[in-house]
Amino acid sequence: MKKGNLLIILLVLVSLAGIGFGVFYFYFYEPQSEPVPVREDLNESILKDYTTLKVFYPVGNRLELREKKVPGILSPIKMADILIKEYLNLSGEANTAILPEGTRLNNIFISSDGIVYLDFNQEFTRNFQGDVLDEYMLLKSIFNTMLSNLDIRDVMILINGKEAETIGGHFMINQPLKRIVAQEIRVE
């Protein structure tokens, strides 16, 4: 035989052997693999690095709860800031018209005696249009949002850095909110 014919036959045999090996490997051979171990410490650290915030907002004569997960472990001030911003967003989305349009938060601070001070802009009191129940539910929702997420005793509302007498003329807010929201308001 000639060398050229021998080379062609050899290439055909090697190709057929490769095809046979490939068919066997892909169709009949099942490699034994061990399951990859799950690192428990990794899953726990991922779950621990989230904070679930509870935001209450008024809808008629009741409070609705919305939970939001935010990444990281937050300082109390950062958590309060995120809570109020989320509260303002939810109140706008819920379209309850209790929170006056244009209301913004100027500042937040927490005193050493455990009272969180929320300093809103003037729009918070200037454009309030609600009745006694609306004002009560607004104050109660802010109080519950802060108290359910932060290790605090009470909440004070300021307007442009100063104590205000009232929001809508129904409740005196120049004192911490706990006394106000502890009252029962009857809906008739």
Protein backbone atom coordinates (compact mmCIF):
# COMPACT_ATOMS: atom_id res chain seq x y z
CA MET A 1 0.00 0.00 0.00
CA LYS A 2 0.95 3.50 -0.54
CA LYS A 3 1.78 5.78 2.37
CA GLY A 4 -1.00 8.21 1.40
CA ASN A 5 -3.69 5.49 1.56
CA LEU A 6 -2.33 4.20 4.86
CA LEU A 7 -2.42 7.70 6.30
CA ILE A 8 -6.07 8.19 5.21
CA ILE A 9 -7.11 4.84 6.73
CA LEU A 10 -5.30 5.72 9.96
CA LEU A 11 -7.07 9.13 10.13
CA VAL A 12 -10.46 7.48 9.51
CA LEU A 13 -9.84 4.94 12.30
CA VAL A 14 -8.70 7.63 14.75
CA SER A 15 -11.76 9.75 13.86
CA LEU A 16 -14.11 6.78 14.34
CA ALA A 17 -12.47 6.00 17.69
CA GLY A 18 -12.91 9.65 18.77
CA ILE A 19 -16.55 9.67 17.72
CA GLY A 20 -17.16 6.39 19.55
CA PHE A 21 -15.50 7.71 22.69
CA GLY A 22 -17.55 10.93 22.49
CA VAL A 23 -20.83 9.02 22.05
CA PHE A 24 -20.01 6.79 25.01
CA TYR A 25 -18.98 9.72 27.22
CA PHE A 26 -21.95 11.97 26.50
CA TYR A 27 -24.71 9.36 26.32
CA PHE A 28 -23.73 6.51 28.62
CA TYR A 29 -21.16 7.74 31.11
CA GLU A 30 -22.53 9.49 34.22
CA PRO A 31 -19.77 11.08 36.25
CA GLN A 32 -20.12 10.71 40.00
CA SER A 33 -20.05 14.15 41.58
CA GLU A 34 -20.29 15.01 45.22
CA PRO A 35 -22.62 17.80 46.29
CA VAL A 36 -20.92 21.08 46.98
CA PRO A 37 -21.11 21.80 50.70
CA VAL A 38 -23.07 24.93 51.61
CA ARG A 39 -21.21 27.29 53.86
CA GLU A 40 -23.55 28.00 56.73
CA ASP A 41 -21.52 30.97 57.92
CA LEU A 42 -21.86 32.63 54.49
CA ASN A 43 -25.65 32.27 54.43
CA GLU A 44 -25.97 33.53 58.00
CA SER A 45 -23.81 36.58 57.29
CA ILE A 46 -25.88 37.43 54.22
CA LEU A 47 -29.09 37.24 56.24
CA LYS A 48 -27.61 39.21 59.12
CA ASP A 49 -26.52 42.05 56.83
CA TYR A 50 -30.10 43.08 56.14
CA THR A 51 -32.35 45.18 58.30
CA THR A 52 -36.11 44.82 58.01
CA LEU A 53 -37.88 48.11 58.57
CA LYS A 54 -41.54 48.39 59.54
CA VAL A 55 -43.31 51.46 58.22
CA PHE A 56 -46.85 52.26 59.37
CA TYR A 57 -48.97 54.70 57.41
CA PRO A 58 -52.55 55.85 57.90
CA VAL A 59 -55.37 54.60 55.70
CA GLY A 60 -58.67 55.93 56.98
CA ASN A 61 -59.14 54.92 60.61
CA ARG A 62 -56.48 52.19 60.62
CA LEU A 63 -52.75 51.81 60.14
CA GLU A 64 -51.26 49.68 57.39
CA LEU A 65 -47.86 48.08 57.75
CA ARG A 66 -45.29 47.82 54.99
CA GLU A 67 -41.97 46.10 55.56
CA LYS A 68 -38.83 46.94 53.66
CA LYS A 69 -35.47 45.20 53.73
CA VAL A 70 -32.44 47.40 53.45
CA PRO A 71 -28.88 46.15 53.16
CA GLY A 72 -26.54 46.57 56.07
CA ILE A 73 -26.71 47.07 59.77
CA LEU A 74 -27.81 50.65 60.28
CA SER A 75 -27.05 53.19 62.96
CA PRO A 76 -30.15 54.53 64.73
CA ILE A 77 -29.89 57.91 62.97
CA LYS A 78 -29.49 56.35 59.52
CA MET A 79 -32.38 53.98 60.25
CA ALA A 80 -34.61 56.88 61.37
CA ASP A 81 -33.70 58.82 58.23
CA ILE A 82 -34.56 55.88 55.95
CA LEU A 83 -37.77 55.26 57.90
CA ILE A 84 -39.06 58.81 57.49
CA LYS A 85 -38.09 58.96 53.82
CA GLU A 86 -39.89 55.67 53.24
CA TYR A 87 -42.85 56.96 55.27
CA LEU A 88 -43.05 60.08 53.10
CA ASN A 89 -42.83 57.95 49.93
CA LEU A 90 -45.52 55.53 51.10
CA SER A 91 -47.84 58.32 52.14
CA GLY A 92 -47.49 59.81 48.68
CA GLU A 93 -48.10 56.43 47.00
CA ALA A 94 -51.07 55.61 49.23
CA ASN A 95 -52.62 58.89 48.17
CA THR A 96 -54.32 59.32 51.53
CA ALA A 97 -53.99 63.12 51.31
CA ILE A 98 -53.31 63.28 55.07
CA LEU A 99 -49.66 64.20 54.73
CA PRO A 100 -49.47 67.71 53.27
CA GLU A 101 -47.88 67.96 49.84
CA GLY A 102 -44.33 69.29 49.94
CA THR A 103 -43.59 67.88 53.41
CA ARG A 104 -39.89 67.14 53.80
CA LEU A 105 -37.66 66.18 56.68
CA ASN A 106 -35.06 68.80 57.62
CA ASN A 107 -33.21 66.93 60.35
CA ILE A 108 -33.27 64.01 62.78
CA PHE A 109 -31.54 63.58 66.08
CA ILE A 110 -31.86 61.27 69.06
CA SER A 111 -31.36 62.67 72.55
CA SER A 112 -29.50 60.86 75.30
CA ASP A 113 -32.81 60.20 77.08
CA GLY A 114 -34.14 58.17 74.14
CA ILE A 115 -36.35 60.68 72.36
CA VAL A 116 -36.10 60.95 68.59
CA TYR A 117 -36.66 64.46 67.25
CA LEU A 118 -38.08 64.71 63.73
CA ASP A 119 -37.68 68.19 62.28
CA PHE A 120 -40.07 68.72 59.35
CA ASN A 121 -40.35 71.73 57.07
CA GLN A 122 -43.14 74.31 57.40
CA GLU A 123 -45.34 72.53 54.81
CA PHE A 124 -46.08 69.83 57.38
CA THR A 125 -48.30 72.22 59.38
CA ARG A 126 -49.07 74.92 56.83
CA ASN A 127 -51.04 72.75 54.40
CA PHE A 128 -52.60 70.20 56.75
CA GLN A 129 -56.25 69.64 55.69
CA GLY A 130 -57.36 66.75 57.90
CA ASP A 131 -59.86 66.40 60.69
CA VAL A 132 -59.16 65.17 64.24
CA LEU A 133 -59.00 61.52 63.16
CA ASP A 134 -56.62 62.28 60.29
CA GLU A 135 -54.30 64.21 62.60
CA TYR A 136 -54.39 61.45 65.20
CA MET A 137 -53.67 58.73 62.64
CA LEU A 138 -50.79 60.77 61.19
CA LEU A 139 -49.18 61.20 64.61
CA LYS A 140 -49.81 57.57 65.58
CA SER A 141 -48.34 56.23 62.34
CA ILE A 142 -45.16 58.31 62.76
CA PHE A 143 -44.88 57.24 66.41
CA ASN A 144 -45.42 53.53 65.65
CA THR A 145 -42.96 53.61 62.75
CA MET A 146 -40.21 55.05 64.94
CA LEU A 147 -40.97 52.99 68.06
CA SER A 148 -41.22 49.65 66.24
CA ASN A 149 -37.78 50.05 64.63
CA LEU A 150 -35.65 52.00 67.08
CA ASP A 151 -34.73 51.50 70.71
CA ILE A 152 -36.29 54.77 71.83
CA ARG A 153 -38.77 55.97 74.45
CA ASP A 154 -40.69 58.65 72.55
CA VAL A 155 -40.96 60.91 69.49
CA MET A 156 -41.03 64.72 69.26
CA ILE A 157 -42.00 66.65 66.16
CA LEU A 158 -40.33 69.94 65.35
CA ILE A 159 -41.13 72.38 62.57
CA ASN A 160 -38.11 74.18 61.12
CA GLY A 161 -36.07 73.36 64.22
CA LYS A 162 -38.62 74.66 66.73
CA GLU A 163 -41.39 73.14 68.81
CA ALA A 164 -44.77 73.67 67.21
CA GLU A 165 -48.09 73.94 69.00
CA THR A 166 -50.13 71.76 66.64
CA ILE A 167 -50.33 70.32 63.16
CA GLY A 168 -53.99 70.80 62.39
CA GLY A 169 -55.32 72.39 65.56
CA HIS A 170 -56.53 69.22 67.26
CA PHE A 171 -53.53 67.98 69.28
CA MET A 172 -50.75 69.80 71.08
CA ILE A 173 -47.50 68.46 69.63
CA ASN A 174 -45.19 70.57 71.79
CA GLN A 175 -44.82 67.44 73.94
CA PRO A 176 -43.68 63.89 73.12
CA LEU A 177 -46.18 61.89 71.08
CA LYS A 178 -46.60 58.96 73.50
CA ARG A 179 -49.21 60.84 75.54
CA ILE A 180 -51.19 61.70 72.42
CA VAL A 181 -51.20 58.29 70.73
CA ALA A 182 -52.02 56.50 73.99
CA GLN A 183 -55.45 58.14 73.85
CA GLU A 184 -58.30 56.25 72.24
CA ILE A 185 -60.10 58.13 69.51
CA ARG A 186 -63.63 56.94 68.81
CA VAL A 187 -64.90 56.92 65.26
CA GLU A 188 -68.61 57.62 65.17
